[in-house]
């Protein structure tokens, strides 16, 4: 497929899927339940953390997380007494269990107390480094400096070990990207959209290979950089908007 033909396809799919109707069935619907920035950030981190597998199950499980926190996620993270999080022990979503949930609450509290908010951490560290890769590395290290069960570490990928970091990149897309469509939030304005990386998983990787955007066989960080660089040739200012296009190509059966 020629460059202009591929651009036309990517733009068509972007226009089709980057719209309000997309929100309800996607994990991004969970932070959309809230209007206060810190509620949205906490809800978004939890929803993106469990975002693998069936989207309907992800949304259902993430909304259940909000119920466990009395639909006041930021207040719960900041102010829950030592005893209150214990009722989270009954939570489970695939390999993310109740103890992981408790540890994530405590680790988010550590970030919020130290930086003022999760978004503040990302914005301040980007301002210092001008490197999303370095920010992802710093976030994981800082997040797990509080006491936690090692089991929960599997739920935040390590860029230092070469992981694609799909869920963290998706979280960043949600809060950094902003346009007139209103799907992504555009709240973290100190981070340019041009610096974001595609949330690469098996599906977007396979679609990227089928469309000639990605040659690397593994879906790892090197592949994330490669496919994002390819997308920058179509829109250098906002390459990750084509996440909607690759998702849509999968839904519309372009691999069949």
C-alpha atoms as a PDB file:
ATOM      1  CA  UNK A   1       0.000   0.000   0.000  1.00  0.00           C
ATOM      2  CA  UNK A   2       1.392   3.372  -1.032  1.00  0.00           C
ATOM      3  CA  UNK A   3       1.953   6.149   1.546  1.00  0.00           C
ATOM      4  CA  UNK A   4      -0.984   8.243   0.351  1.00  0.00           C
ATOM      5  CA  UNK A   5      -3.310   5.227   0.287  1.00  0.00           C
ATOM      6  CA  UNK A   6      -2.274   4.224   3.789  1.00  0.00           C
ATOM      7  CA  UNK A   7      -2.749   7.794   5.033  1.00  0.00           C
ATOM      8  CA  UNK A   8      -6.248   7.805   3.576  1.00  0.00           C
ATOM      9  CA  UNK A   9      -7.058   4.533   5.348  1.00  0.00           C
ATOM     10  CA  UNK A  10      -5.598   5.695   8.666  1.00  0.00           C
ATOM     11  CA  UNK A  11      -7.512   8.977   8.489  1.00  0.00           C
ATOM     12  CA  UNK A  12     -10.760   7.223   7.565  1.00  0.00           C
ATOM     13  CA  UNK A  13     -10.470   4.821  10.517  1.00  0.00           C
ATOM     14  CA  UNK A  14      -9.389   7.587  12.884  1.00  0.00           C
ATOM     15  CA  UNK A  15     -12.450   9.599  11.956  1.00  0.00           C
ATOM     16  CA  UNK A  16     -14.677   6.549  12.358  1.00  0.00           C
ATOM     17  CA  UNK A  17     -13.465   5.498  15.820  1.00  0.00           C
ATOM     18  CA  UNK A  18     -12.210   8.676  17.536  1.00  0.00           C
ATOM     19  CA  UNK A  19     -15.683   9.824  18.519  1.00  0.00           C
ATOM     20  CA  UNK A  20     -17.879   9.928  21.617  1.00  0.00           C
ATOM     21  CA  UNK A  21     -19.576   6.627  20.757  1.00  0.00           C
ATOM     22  CA  UNK A  22     -16.220   4.894  21.297  1.00  0.00           C
ATOM     23  CA  UNK A  23     -16.092   5.792  24.981  1.00  0.00           C
ATOM     24  CA  UNK A  24     -18.797   3.616  26.532  1.00  0.00           C
ATOM     25  CA  UNK A  25     -17.353   0.220  25.606  1.00  0.00           C
ATOM     26  CA  UNK A  26     -13.700   1.169  26.186  1.00  0.00           C
ATOM     27  CA  UNK A  27     -11.719   1.284  29.462  1.00  0.00           C
ATOM     28  CA  UNK A  28     -11.407   5.052  29.013  1.00  0.00           C
ATOM     29  CA  UNK A  29     -15.084   5.186  30.030  1.00  0.00           C
ATOM     30  CA  UNK A  30     -13.996   4.636  33.652  1.00  0.00           C
ATOM     31  CA  UNK A  31     -12.083   7.927  34.128  1.00  0.00           C
ATOM     32  CA  UNK A  32     -14.884   9.546  32.112  1.00  0.00           C
ATOM     33  CA  UNK A  33     -17.164   8.786  35.060  1.00  0.00           C
ATOM     34  CA  UNK A  34     -15.498  11.664  36.943  1.00  0.00           C
ATOM     35  CA  UNK A  35     -14.985  15.387  36.471  1.00  0.00           C
ATOM     36  CA  UNK A  36     -12.248  16.134  39.033  1.00  0.00           C
ATOM     37  CA  UNK A  37      -8.728  15.704  37.648  1.00  0.00           C
ATOM     38  CA  UNK A  38      -7.290  13.596  40.466  1.00  0.00           C
ATOM     39  CA  UNK A  39     -10.308  11.265  40.473  1.00  0.00           C
ATOM     40  CA  UNK A  40      -9.842  10.811  36.735  1.00  0.00           C
ATOM     41  CA  UNK A  41      -6.116  10.112  37.124  1.00  0.00           C
ATOM     42  CA  UNK A  42      -6.580   7.467  39.824  1.00  0.00           C
ATOM     43  CA  UNK A  43      -9.470   5.836  37.970  1.00  0.00           C
ATOM     44  CA  UNK A  44      -7.498   5.935  34.732  1.00  0.00           C
ATOM     45  CA  UNK A  45      -4.396   4.338  36.192  1.00  0.00           C
ATOM     46  CA  UNK A  46      -6.399   1.483  37.694  1.00  0.00           C
ATOM     47  CA  UNK A  47      -8.475   0.957  34.538  1.00  0.00           C
ATOM     48  CA  UNK A  48      -5.424   0.969  32.280  1.00  0.00           C
ATOM     49  CA  UNK A  49      -3.537  -1.355  34.621  1.00  0.00           C
ATOM     50  CA  UNK A  50      -6.104  -4.136  34.186  1.00  0.00           C
ATOM     51  CA  UNK A  51      -6.633  -3.443  30.471  1.00  0.00           C
ATOM     52  CA  UNK A  52      -5.771  -6.734  28.873  1.00  0.00           C
ATOM     53  CA  UNK A  53      -8.170  -9.278  27.442  1.00  0.00           C
ATOM     54  CA  UNK A  54     -11.849  -8.740  26.735  1.00  0.00           C
ATOM     55  CA  UNK A  55     -12.801  -5.047  26.751  1.00  0.00           C
ATOM     56  CA  UNK A  56     -16.268  -5.684  28.178  1.00  0.00           C
ATOM     57  CA  UNK A  57     -14.772  -7.601  31.119  1.00  0.00           C
ATOM     58  CA  UNK A  58     -12.128  -4.901  31.650  1.00  0.00           C
ATOM     59  CA  UNK A  59     -14.731  -2.137  31.847  1.00  0.00           C
ATOM     60  CA  UNK A  60     -16.911  -4.181  34.203  1.00  0.00           C
ATOM     61  CA  UNK A  61     -13.975  -4.966  36.505  1.00  0.00           C
ATOM     62  CA  UNK A  62     -12.686  -1.392  36.497  1.00  0.00           C
ATOM     63  CA  UNK A  63     -16.110  -0.019  37.370  1.00  0.00           C
ATOM     64  CA  UNK A  64     -16.221  -2.501  40.234  1.00  0.00           C
ATOM     65  CA  UNK A  65     -12.949  -0.976  41.462  1.00  0.00           C
ATOM     66  CA  UNK A  66     -14.693   2.402  41.631  1.00  0.00           C
ATOM     67  CA  UNK A  67     -17.509   0.857  43.674  1.00  0.00           C
ATOM     68  CA  UNK A  68     -14.964  -0.546  46.147  1.00  0.00           C
ATOM     69  CA  UNK A  69     -13.658   3.008  46.578  1.00  0.00           C
ATOM     70  CA  UNK A  70     -17.151   4.506  47.076  1.00  0.00           C
ATOM     71  CA  UNK A  71     -16.899   6.273  43.696  1.00  0.00           C
ATOM     72  CA  UNK A  72     -14.414   8.720  45.222  1.00  0.00           C
ATOM     73  CA  UNK A  73     -11.102   7.241  44.072  1.00  0.00           C
ATOM     74  CA  UNK A  74      -8.760  10.149  44.795  1.00  0.00           C
ATOM     75  CA  UNK A  75     -10.213  10.699  48.281  1.00  0.00           C
ATOM     76  CA  UNK A  76      -9.959   6.978  49.007  1.00  0.00           C
ATOM     77  CA  UNK A  77      -6.305   6.871  47.942  1.00  0.00           C
ATOM     78  CA  UNK A  78      -5.435   9.946  49.984  1.00  0.00           C
ATOM     79  CA  UNK A  79      -7.464   9.360  53.140  1.00  0.00           C
ATOM     80  CA  UNK A  80      -8.452   5.725  53.653  1.00  0.00           C
ATOM     81  CA  UNK A  81      -7.507   4.519  57.128  1.00  0.00           C
ATOM     82  CA  UNK A  82      -5.138   1.545  57.463  1.00  0.00           C
ATOM     83  CA  UNK A  83      -8.137  -0.733  57.999  1.00  0.00           C
ATOM     84  CA  UNK A  84     -10.351   0.517  55.158  1.00  0.00           C
ATOM     85  CA  UNK A  85      -8.448  -0.948  52.184  1.00  0.00           C
ATOM     86  CA  UNK A  86      -8.706  -4.443  53.661  1.00  0.00           C
ATOM     87  CA  UNK A  87     -12.144  -4.915  52.113  1.00  0.00           C
ATOM     88  CA  UNK A  88     -10.405  -4.771  48.729  1.00  0.00           C
ATOM     89  CA  UNK A  89      -9.009  -8.249  49.412  1.00  0.00           C
ATOM     90  CA  UNK A  90     -12.054  -9.822  47.769  1.00  0.00           C
ATOM     91  CA  UNK A  91     -11.379  -8.099  44.446  1.00  0.00           C
ATOM     92  CA  UNK A  92     -10.000 -10.077  41.519  1.00  0.00           C
ATOM     93  CA  UNK A  93      -9.562  -9.439  37.800  1.00  0.00           C
ATOM     94  CA  UNK A  94      -7.597 -12.197  36.133  1.00  0.00           C
ATOM     95  CA  UNK A  95      -4.144 -12.069  37.805  1.00  0.00           C
ATOM     96  CA  UNK A  96      -4.780  -8.708  39.495  1.00  0.00           C
ATOM     97  CA  UNK A  97      -5.948  -9.673  42.982  1.00  0.00           C
ATOM     98  CA  UNK A  98      -7.110  -7.915  46.109  1.00  0.00           C
ATOM     99  CA  UNK A  99      -3.636  -7.563  47.594  1.00  0.00           C
ATOM    100  CA  UNK A 100      -2.445  -6.016  44.342  1.00  0.00           C
ATOM    101  CA  UNK A 101      -5.341  -3.549  44.591  1.00  0.00           C
ATOM    102  CA  UNK A 102      -4.349  -2.610  48.151  1.00  0.00           C
ATOM    103  CA  UNK A 103      -0.701  -2.205  47.173  1.00  0.00           C
ATOM    104  CA  UNK A 104      -1.643  -0.010  44.214  1.00  0.00           C
ATOM    105  CA  UNK A 105      -3.672   2.226  46.543  1.00  0.00           C
ATOM    106  CA  UNK A 106      -0.670   2.645  48.822  1.00  0.00           C
ATOM    107  CA  UNK A 107       1.751   3.197  45.941  1.00  0.00           C
ATOM    108  CA  UNK A 108      -0.549   5.799  44.391  1.00  0.00           C
ATOM    109  CA  UNK A 109      -0.764   7.508  47.790  1.00  0.00           C
ATOM    110  CA  UNK A 110       3.028   7.638  47.827  1.00  0.00           C
ATOM    111  CA  UNK A 111       3.082   9.330  44.403  1.00  0.00           C
ATOM    112  CA  UNK A 112       0.312  11.778  45.293  1.00  0.00           C
ATOM    113  CA  UNK A 113       1.870  12.741  48.640  1.00  0.00           C
ATOM    114  CA  UNK A 114       5.280  13.218  47.057  1.00  0.00           C
ATOM    115  CA  UNK A 115       4.279  15.030  43.882  1.00  0.00           C
ATOM    116  CA  UNK A 116       0.804  16.432  44.443  1.00  0.00           C
ATOM    117  CA  UNK A 117      -0.836  14.069  41.979  1.00  0.00           C
ATOM    118  CA  UNK A 118      -0.138  11.355  39.434  1.00  0.00           C
ATOM    119  CA  UNK A 119      -0.330  13.817  36.559  1.00  0.00           C
ATOM    120  CA  UNK A 120       2.004  16.165  38.386  1.00  0.00           C
ATOM    121  CA  UNK A 121       4.556  13.350  38.593  1.00  0.00           C
ATOM    122  CA  UNK A 122       4.427  12.735  34.850  1.00  0.00           C
ATOM    123  CA  UNK A 123       4.462  16.413  33.911  1.00  0.00           C
ATOM    124  CA  UNK A 124       7.275  17.390  36.277  1.00  0.00           C
ATOM    125  CA  UNK A 125       9.459  14.463  35.282  1.00  0.00           C
ATOM    126  CA  UNK A 126       8.880  15.098  31.589  1.00  0.00           C
ATOM    127  CA  UNK A 127       9.838  18.751  32.111  1.00  0.00           C
ATOM    128  CA  UNK A 128      13.073  17.552  33.738  1.00  0.00           C
ATOM    129  CA  UNK A 129      13.988  14.902  31.168  1.00  0.00           C
ATOM    130  CA  UNK A 130      12.116  15.633  27.903  1.00  0.00           C
ATOM    131  CA  UNK A 131      12.032  11.860  27.473  1.00  0.00           C
ATOM    132  CA  UNK A 132       8.905   9.712  27.753  1.00  0.00           C
ATOM    133  CA  UNK A 133      11.081   6.609  28.018  1.00  0.00           C
ATOM    134  CA  UNK A 134      12.912   8.042  31.026  1.00  0.00           C
ATOM    135  CA  UNK A 135       9.622   9.148  32.606  1.00  0.00           C
ATOM    136  CA  UNK A 136       8.203   5.616  32.284  1.00  0.00           C
ATOM    137  CA  UNK A 137      11.322   4.231  33.911  1.00  0.00           C
ATOM    138  CA  UNK A 138      11.192   6.774  36.745  1.00  0.00           C
ATOM    139  CA  UNK A 139       7.477   6.203  37.334  1.00  0.00           C
ATOM    140  CA  UNK A 140       7.834   2.477  37.851  1.00  0.00           C
ATOM    141  CA  UNK A 141      10.809   2.898  40.177  1.00  0.00           C
ATOM    142  CA  UNK A 142       9.108   5.616  42.232  1.00  0.00           C
ATOM    143  CA  UNK A 143       5.772   3.797  42.325  1.00  0.00           C
ATOM    144  CA  UNK A 144       7.290   0.711  43.910  1.00  0.00           C
ATOM    145  CA  UNK A 145       9.455   2.458  46.508  1.00  0.00           C
ATOM    146  CA  UNK A 146       6.646   2.074  49.047  1.00  0.00           C
ATOM    147  CA  UNK A 147       6.104  -1.253  50.840  1.00  0.00           C
ATOM    148  CA  UNK A 148       4.327  -3.737  48.585  1.00  0.00           C
ATOM    149  CA  UNK A 149       3.970  -7.383  47.723  1.00  0.00           C
ATOM    150  CA  UNK A 150       6.337  -8.203  44.824  1.00  0.00           C
ATOM    151  CA  UNK A 151       3.436  -9.874  42.989  1.00  0.00           C
ATOM    152  CA  UNK A 152       1.948  -6.490  42.085  1.00  0.00           C
ATOM    153  CA  UNK A 153       5.101  -5.445  40.203  1.00  0.00           C
ATOM    154  CA  UNK A 154       4.020  -7.567  37.230  1.00  0.00           C
ATOM    155  CA  UNK A 155       1.173  -5.144  36.592  1.00  0.00           C
ATOM    156  CA  UNK A 156       3.421  -2.237  35.568  1.00  0.00           C
ATOM    157  CA  UNK A 157       5.717  -3.163  32.705  1.00  0.00           C
ATOM    158  CA  UNK A 158       9.410  -2.327  32.921  1.00  0.00           C
ATOM    159  CA  UNK A 159      10.800  -0.290  30.062  1.00  0.00           C
ATOM    160  CA  UNK A 160      14.234  -0.961  31.555  1.00  0.00           C
ATOM    161  CA  UNK A 161      13.678  -4.620  30.651  1.00  0.00           C
ATOM    162  CA  UNK A 162      12.547  -3.742  27.141  1.00  0.00           C
ATOM    163  CA  UNK A 163       8.787  -4.111  27.619  1.00  0.00           C
ATOM    164  CA  UNK A 164       6.418  -2.370  25.205  1.00  0.00           C
ATOM    165  CA  UNK A 165       4.672  -0.654  28.152  1.00  0.00           C
ATOM    166  CA  UNK A 166       1.341  -0.762  26.322  1.00  0.00           C
ATOM    167  CA  UNK A 167      -0.826   0.082  29.320  1.00  0.00           C
ATOM    168  CA  UNK A 168       1.290   2.990  30.544  1.00  0.00           C
ATOM    169  CA  UNK A 169       1.435   4.401  27.018  1.00  0.00           C
ATOM    170  CA  UNK A 170      -2.342   4.058  26.787  1.00  0.00           C
ATOM    171  CA  UNK A 171      -2.686   5.903  30.106  1.00  0.00           C
ATOM    172  CA  UNK A 172      -0.461   8.669  28.773  1.00  0.00           C
ATOM    173  CA  UNK A 173      -2.506   8.837  25.565  1.00  0.00           C
ATOM    174  CA  UNK A 174      -5.677   9.326  27.572  1.00  0.00           C
ATOM    175  CA  UNK A 175      -4.334  12.243  29.607  1.00  0.00           C
ATOM    176  CA  UNK A 176      -1.902  13.944  27.220  1.00  0.00           C
ATOM    177  CA  UNK A 177      -3.853  13.792  23.948  1.00  0.00           C
ATOM    178  CA  UNK A 178      -6.635  16.264  23.440  1.00  0.00           C
ATOM    179  CA  UNK A 179      -8.768  17.208  20.462  1.00  0.00           C
ATOM    180  CA  UNK A 180     -12.280  18.362  19.659  1.00  0.00           C
ATOM    181  CA  UNK A 181     -13.590  14.774  19.727  1.00  0.00           C
ATOM    182  CA  UNK A 182     -13.487  14.538  23.545  1.00  0.00           C
ATOM    183  CA  UNK A 183     -12.398  10.898  23.853  1.00  0.00           C
ATOM    184  CA  UNK A 184      -8.946  11.624  25.302  1.00  0.00           C
ATOM    185  CA  UNK A 185      -8.718  14.210  28.062  1.00  0.00           C
ATOM    186  CA  UNK A 186      -5.779  16.476  27.155  1.00  0.00           C
ATOM    187  CA  UNK A 187      -5.156  17.387  30.802  1.00  0.00           C
ATOM    188  CA  UNK A 188      -1.372  16.980  30.994  1.00  0.00           C
ATOM    189  CA  UNK A 189      -0.456  19.915  28.802  1.00  0.00           C
ATOM    190  CA  UNK A 190       3.196  20.096  29.811  1.00  0.00           C
ATOM    191  CA  UNK A 191       3.789  16.928  27.795  1.00  0.00           C
ATOM    192  CA  UNK A 192       3.578  17.417  24.008  1.00  0.00           C
ATOM    193  CA  UNK A 193       1.377  14.986  22.084  1.00  0.00           C
ATOM    194  CA  UNK A 194       4.221  14.610  19.601  1.00  0.00           C
ATOM    195  CA  UNK A 195       6.323  12.781  22.209  1.00  0.00           C
ATOM    196  CA  UNK A 196       3.826   9.997  22.936  1.00  0.00           C
ATOM    197  CA  UNK A 197       4.282   6.365  21.931  1.00  0.00           C
ATOM    198  CA  UNK A 198       1.690   3.987  20.529  1.00  0.00           C
ATOM    199  CA  UNK A 199       0.122   1.596  23.075  1.00  0.00           C
ATOM    200  CA  UNK A 200       1.508  -1.499  21.333  1.00  0.00           C
ATOM    201  CA  UNK A 201       0.011  -4.918  22.003  1.00  0.00           C
ATOM    202  CA  UNK A 202      -0.430  -8.121  20.010  1.00  0.00           C
ATOM    203  CA  UNK A 203      -3.374  -6.717  18.033  1.00  0.00           C
ATOM    204  CA  UNK A 204      -1.947  -3.312  17.123  1.00  0.00           C
ATOM    205  CA  UNK A 205       1.388  -4.986  16.429  1.00  0.00           C
ATOM    206  CA  UNK A 206      -0.135  -7.493  14.008  1.00  0.00           C
ATOM    207  CA  UNK A 207      -2.141  -4.745  12.349  1.00  0.00           C
ATOM    208  CA  UNK A 208       0.939  -2.542  12.075  1.00  0.00           C
ATOM    209  CA  UNK A 209       2.871  -5.360  10.420  1.00  0.00           C
ATOM    210  CA  UNK A 210       0.026  -6.076   8.011  1.00  0.00           C
ATOM    211  CA  UNK A 211      -0.066  -2.412   6.974  1.00  0.00           C
ATOM    212  CA  UNK A 212       3.720  -2.151   6.628  1.00  0.00           C
ATOM    213  CA  UNK A 213       4.195   0.109   9.643  1.00  0.00           C
ATOM    214  CA  UNK A 214       6.233  -2.388  11.651  1.00  0.00           C
ATOM    215  CA  UNK A 215       8.836  -4.971  10.660  1.00  0.00           C
ATOM    216  CA  UNK A 216      10.070  -6.121  14.068  1.00  0.00           C
ATOM    217  CA  UNK A 217       8.519  -9.446  15.052  1.00  0.00           C
ATOM    218  CA  UNK A 218       8.505  -8.990  18.841  1.00  0.00           C
ATOM    219  CA  UNK A 219       6.037  -6.574  20.397  1.00  0.00           C
ATOM    220  CA  UNK A 220       8.564  -4.923  22.710  1.00  0.00           C
ATOM    221  CA  UNK A 221       9.873  -1.406  23.321  1.00  0.00           C
ATOM    222  CA  UNK A 222      11.977  -1.387  20.148  1.00  0.00           C
ATOM    223  CA  UNK A 223       8.833  -2.276  18.198  1.00  0.00           C
ATOM    224  CA  UNK A 224       6.935   0.490  20.005  1.00  0.00           C
ATOM    225  CA  UNK A 225       9.553   3.010  18.872  1.00  0.00           C
ATOM    226  CA  UNK A 226       9.558   1.651  15.314  1.00  0.00           C
ATOM    227  CA  UNK A 227       5.802   1.732  14.773  1.00  0.00           C
ATOM    228  CA  UNK A 228       5.455   5.148  16.411  1.00  0.00           C
ATOM    229  CA  UNK A 229       8.193   6.526  14.179  1.00  0.00           C
ATOM    230  CA  UNK A 230       6.258   5.161  11.190  1.00  0.00           C
ATOM    231  CA  UNK A 231       3.084   6.887  12.382  1.00  0.00           C
ATOM    232  CA  UNK A 232       4.994  10.158  12.818  1.00  0.00           C
ATOM    233  CA  UNK A 233       5.491  10.254   9.043  1.00  0.00           C
ATOM    234  CA  UNK A 234       1.702  10.700   8.762  1.00  0.00           C
ATOM    235  CA  UNK A 235       1.249  13.126  11.673  1.00  0.00           C
ATOM    236  CA  UNK A 236       4.361  14.261  13.507  1.00  0.00           C
ATOM    237  CA  UNK A 237       2.402  16.446  15.927  1.00  0.00           C
ATOM    238  CA  UNK A 238      -0.014  13.724  17.064  1.00  0.00           C
ATOM    239  CA  UNK A 239       1.124  10.270  15.905  1.00  0.00           C
ATOM    240  CA  UNK A 240      -0.720   8.318  18.604  1.00  0.00           C
ATOM    241  CA  UNK A 241      -4.105   9.433  17.313  1.00  0.00           C
ATOM    242  CA  UNK A 242      -3.684   6.540  14.889  1.00  0.00           C
ATOM    243  CA  UNK A 243      -4.141   4.165  17.808  1.00  0.00           C
ATOM    244  CA  UNK A 244      -7.825   4.546  16.947  1.00  0.00           C
ATOM    245  CA  UNK A 245      -7.034   3.609  13.348  1.00  0.00           C
ATOM    246  CA  UNK A 246      -5.177   0.395  14.177  1.00  0.00           C
ATOM    247  CA  UNK A 247      -7.911  -0.575  16.637  1.00  0.00           C
ATOM    248  CA  UNK A 248     -10.491   0.158  13.971  1.00  0.00           C
ATOM    249  CA  UNK A 249      -8.602  -1.811  11.338  1.00  0.00           C
ATOM    250  CA  UNK A 250      -8.793  -4.826  13.623  1.00  0.00           C
ATOM    251  CA  UNK A 251     -12.485  -4.348  14.269  1.00  0.00           C
ATOM    252  CA  UNK A 252     -13.176  -3.883  10.555  1.00  0.00           C
ATOM    253  CA  UNK A 253     -11.291  -7.061   9.639  1.00  0.00           C
ATOM    254  CA  UNK A 254      -8.401  -5.679   7.601  1.00  0.00           C
ATOM    255  CA  UNK A 255      -6.368  -8.806   8.437  1.00  0.00           C
ATOM    256  CA  UNK A 256      -9.014 -11.170   7.062  1.00  0.00           C
END
